[in-house]
């Protein structure tokens, strides 16, 4: 036979110790593999939504353009004046209802409107001396104007600025869609602690 000592193969030898991390290496590798498979499956088939992205073809469309400015339509100005004479003055509420847009009507019926409890800030129109209008913008189907309510001297009524938005309905008629007072900044009179509004 060979000169291998057969007795030595049965001798007690000390085990070769592997570092602990090497024992865990197969388990760690398996866990990383399983996690990778789960992530892949979750990403690939987990999202059931469909994309709504619109592919761009050629030049992008700019939808943020401001409409073309036009001169305020005579019908819009007439509607504004009639609204002040009726709804703001609380006179001829039936006519005022016809001039009011959906934001001002707020779903009120004509019967409810006729009670005078309406979403229109009143002003003592009888005390007016002058009510000039300034156009902020005017487009084909909408406009925004500022109206200075300037009372007669000695009437004890404060002058007030109002913002009025007008819209054109489907029939082409102008309606007042909002009527709100414009906030005025407080101005100091020069005396300590005194403020004029």
Protein backbone atom coordinates (compact mmCIF):
# COMPACT_ATOMS: atom_id res chain seq x y z
CA UNK A 1 0.00 0.00 0.00
CA UNK A 2 1.05 3.51 0.30
CA UNK A 3 2.92 5.11 3.07
CA UNK A 4 -0.13 6.96 4.33
CA UNK A 5 -0.59 6.45 7.97
CA UNK A 6 -4.08 5.11 8.20
CA UNK A 7 -4.09 5.55 11.90
CA UNK A 8 -3.67 9.31 11.55
CA UNK A 9 -6.95 9.73 9.73
CA UNK A 10 -8.76 8.61 12.83
CA UNK A 11 -6.90 10.88 15.15
CA UNK A 12 -8.75 13.70 16.82
CA UNK A 13 -7.93 16.97 15.17
CA UNK A 14 -9.04 20.43 16.07
CA UNK A 15 -11.72 21.84 13.77
CA UNK A 16 -10.76 24.61 11.47
CA UNK A 17 -12.83 27.56 12.51
CA UNK A 18 -14.37 29.73 9.86
CA UNK A 19 -15.33 33.26 10.70
CA UNK A 20 -19.01 33.52 11.72
CA UNK A 21 -19.89 35.81 8.87
CA UNK A 22 -18.84 33.08 6.45
CA UNK A 23 -21.41 30.77 8.02
CA UNK A 24 -24.11 33.38 7.49
CA UNK A 25 -23.01 34.25 3.96
CA UNK A 26 -25.26 31.73 2.15
CA UNK A 27 -28.26 32.86 4.18
CA UNK A 28 -27.50 36.52 3.59
CA UNK A 29 -27.06 35.92 -0.13
CA UNK A 30 -30.40 34.10 -0.27
CA UNK A 31 -32.18 36.87 1.62
CA UNK A 32 -30.80 39.56 -0.74
CA UNK A 33 -31.86 37.49 -3.74
CA UNK A 34 -35.40 37.00 -2.39
CA UNK A 35 -35.69 40.74 -1.58
CA UNK A 36 -34.52 41.64 -5.09
CA UNK A 37 -37.09 39.33 -6.66
CA UNK A 38 -39.87 40.81 -4.48
CA UNK A 39 -38.89 44.39 -5.38
CA UNK A 40 -38.79 43.52 -9.08
CA UNK A 41 -42.22 41.84 -8.95
CA UNK A 42 -43.67 44.75 -6.94
CA UNK A 43 -42.41 47.36 -9.37
CA UNK A 44 -43.20 45.45 -12.53
CA UNK A 45 -46.70 44.20 -11.69
CA UNK A 46 -47.67 46.05 -8.52
CA UNK A 47 -48.56 49.36 -10.19
CA UNK A 48 -51.99 48.89 -11.76
CA UNK A 49 -52.36 52.57 -12.74
CA UNK A 50 -52.11 53.73 -16.29
CA UNK A 51 -50.10 56.71 -17.41
CA UNK A 52 -52.02 59.82 -18.38
CA UNK A 53 -48.98 61.63 -19.67
CA UNK A 54 -49.61 63.20 -23.03
CA UNK A 55 -46.73 62.67 -25.39
CA UNK A 56 -45.46 65.89 -26.89
CA UNK A 57 -45.40 66.07 -30.65
CA UNK A 58 -43.55 69.00 -32.06
CA UNK A 59 -43.90 72.37 -30.33
CA UNK A 60 -45.57 72.47 -26.88
CA UNK A 61 -48.95 74.22 -26.68
CA UNK A 62 -49.01 77.27 -24.38
CA UNK A 63 -52.43 77.30 -22.68
CA UNK A 64 -51.53 80.07 -20.23
CA UNK A 65 -52.12 82.88 -22.70
CA UNK A 66 -54.24 85.78 -21.52
CA UNK A 67 -57.31 86.37 -23.67
CA UNK A 68 -57.23 89.31 -26.06
CA UNK A 69 -58.13 92.57 -24.32
CA UNK A 70 -61.03 94.44 -25.89
CA UNK A 71 -62.91 97.65 -25.19
CA UNK A 72 -65.57 97.23 -22.50
CA UNK A 73 -68.82 96.38 -24.23
CA UNK A 74 -71.55 99.04 -23.87
CA UNK A 75 -73.86 96.30 -22.60
CA UNK A 76 -71.46 95.50 -19.76
CA UNK A 77 -71.30 99.14 -18.67
CA UNK A 78 -75.11 99.43 -18.79
CA UNK A 79 -75.43 96.25 -16.72
CA UNK A 80 -73.01 97.65 -14.13
CA UNK A 81 -74.95 100.93 -13.83
CA UNK A 82 -78.33 99.17 -13.68
CA UNK A 83 -77.03 96.77 -11.01
CA UNK A 84 -75.96 99.69 -8.79
CA UNK A 85 -79.37 101.40 -9.29
CA UNK A 86 -81.22 98.18 -8.39
CA UNK A 87 -79.38 95.57 -6.29
CA UNK A 88 -76.96 97.91 -4.48
CA UNK A 89 -79.71 100.48 -3.82
CA UNK A 90 -82.19 97.69 -2.94
CA UNK A 91 -84.67 99.07 -5.49
CA UNK A 92 -86.47 96.99 -8.14
CA UNK A 93 -85.08 93.67 -6.87
CA UNK A 94 -86.85 91.77 -9.66
CA UNK A 95 -84.71 93.62 -12.25
CA UNK A 96 -81.62 93.17 -10.02
CA UNK A 97 -82.23 89.38 -10.04
CA UNK A 98 -82.08 89.39 -13.86
CA UNK A 99 -78.70 91.21 -13.72
CA UNK A 100 -77.13 88.93 -11.07
CA UNK A 101 -74.75 86.13 -12.03
CA UNK A 102 -74.48 82.72 -10.33
CA UNK A 103 -71.93 83.83 -7.69
CA UNK A 104 -74.22 86.59 -6.46
CA UNK A 105 -77.45 84.62 -6.69
CA UNK A 106 -75.92 81.74 -4.72
CA UNK A 107 -78.78 79.47 -5.72
CA UNK A 108 -81.48 81.82 -4.42
CA UNK A 109 -84.87 81.71 -6.09
CA UNK A 110 -86.55 84.94 -7.18
CA UNK A 111 -88.90 84.63 -4.21
CA UNK A 112 -85.95 84.42 -1.77
CA UNK A 113 -84.17 87.25 -3.60
CA UNK A 114 -87.20 89.53 -3.29
CA UNK A 115 -86.86 89.51 0.53
CA UNK A 116 -83.76 91.73 0.08
CA UNK A 117 -81.51 89.29 1.96
CA UNK A 118 -79.04 89.02 -0.91
CA UNK A 119 -75.27 88.66 -1.33
CA UNK A 120 -74.79 92.26 -2.45
CA UNK A 121 -73.12 94.83 -0.22
CA UNK A 122 -75.58 97.75 -0.09
CA UNK A 123 -74.64 101.40 -0.45
CA UNK A 124 -76.82 104.50 -0.01
CA UNK A 125 -77.04 105.28 -3.71
CA UNK A 126 -79.35 108.24 -3.00
CA UNK A 127 -76.32 110.01 -1.44
CA UNK A 128 -74.09 109.60 -4.51
CA UNK A 129 -72.65 112.59 -6.29
CA UNK A 130 -70.51 110.69 -8.76
CA UNK A 131 -69.56 107.04 -9.45
CA UNK A 132 -66.65 106.83 -11.93
CA UNK A 133 -65.63 103.43 -13.29
CA UNK A 134 -62.12 102.18 -14.05
CA UNK A 135 -61.68 99.08 -16.19
CA UNK A 136 -59.13 96.62 -14.76
CA UNK A 137 -59.58 94.20 -17.66
CA UNK A 138 -62.08 93.51 -20.38
CA UNK A 139 -62.24 90.32 -22.43
CA UNK A 140 -64.86 88.92 -24.77
CA UNK A 141 -66.82 87.14 -22.01
CA UNK A 142 -65.66 88.74 -18.76
CA UNK A 143 -64.59 92.04 -17.28
CA UNK A 144 -63.46 93.51 -13.97
CA UNK A 145 -64.14 97.12 -13.11
CA UNK A 146 -63.51 99.34 -10.10
CA UNK A 147 -66.24 101.76 -9.12
CA UNK A 148 -65.62 104.72 -6.81
CA UNK A 149 -68.79 105.53 -4.89
CA UNK A 150 -68.32 109.24 -4.16
CA UNK A 151 -71.11 110.73 -2.02
CA UNK A 152 -72.38 114.31 -2.02
CA UNK A 153 -70.61 116.65 0.38
CA UNK A 154 -72.32 116.83 3.75
CA UNK A 155 -74.15 113.49 3.26
CA UNK A 156 -72.20 111.83 6.13
CA UNK A 157 -71.61 108.78 3.90
CA UNK A 158 -68.06 107.52 3.40
CA UNK A 159 -66.70 107.20 -0.12
CA UNK A 160 -66.03 103.55 -0.97
CA UNK A 161 -64.33 101.67 -3.79
CA UNK A 162 -66.00 98.51 -5.09
CA UNK A 163 -64.77 95.76 -7.42
CA UNK A 164 -67.36 94.38 -9.83
CA UNK A 165 -66.81 91.35 -12.05
CA UNK A 166 -69.07 90.85 -15.04
CA UNK A 167 -69.57 87.75 -17.16
CA UNK A 168 -71.41 87.13 -20.41
CA UNK A 169 -74.01 84.35 -20.27
CA UNK A 170 -74.89 81.88 -23.05
CA UNK A 171 -77.44 84.30 -24.52
CA UNK A 172 -74.79 87.02 -24.75
CA UNK A 173 -76.21 89.12 -21.89
CA UNK A 174 -73.87 90.64 -19.29
CA UNK A 175 -74.35 89.64 -15.63
CA UNK A 176 -72.72 90.95 -12.46
CA UNK A 177 -70.94 87.99 -10.87
CA UNK A 178 -69.36 89.73 -7.87
CA UNK A 179 -69.62 93.04 -6.01
CA UNK A 180 -67.15 93.51 -3.18
CA UNK A 181 -65.73 96.55 -1.40
CA UNK A 182 -62.06 97.13 -2.05
CA UNK A 183 -60.08 97.33 1.19
CA UNK A 184 -58.55 100.73 1.80
CA UNK A 185 -55.19 101.12 3.50
CA UNK A 186 -55.10 103.08 6.73
CA UNK A 187 -53.31 106.40 6.43
CA UNK A 188 -51.76 108.13 9.44
CA UNK A 189 -52.86 111.73 9.87
CA UNK A 190 -49.55 112.81 11.39
CA UNK A 191 -50.74 113.00 14.98
CA UNK A 192 -49.39 110.40 17.35
CA UNK A 193 -51.73 107.43 17.45
CA UNK A 194 -54.37 108.99 15.14
CA UNK A 195 -55.37 106.99 12.09
CA UNK A 196 -57.66 108.07 9.25
CA UNK A 197 -59.36 105.50 7.06
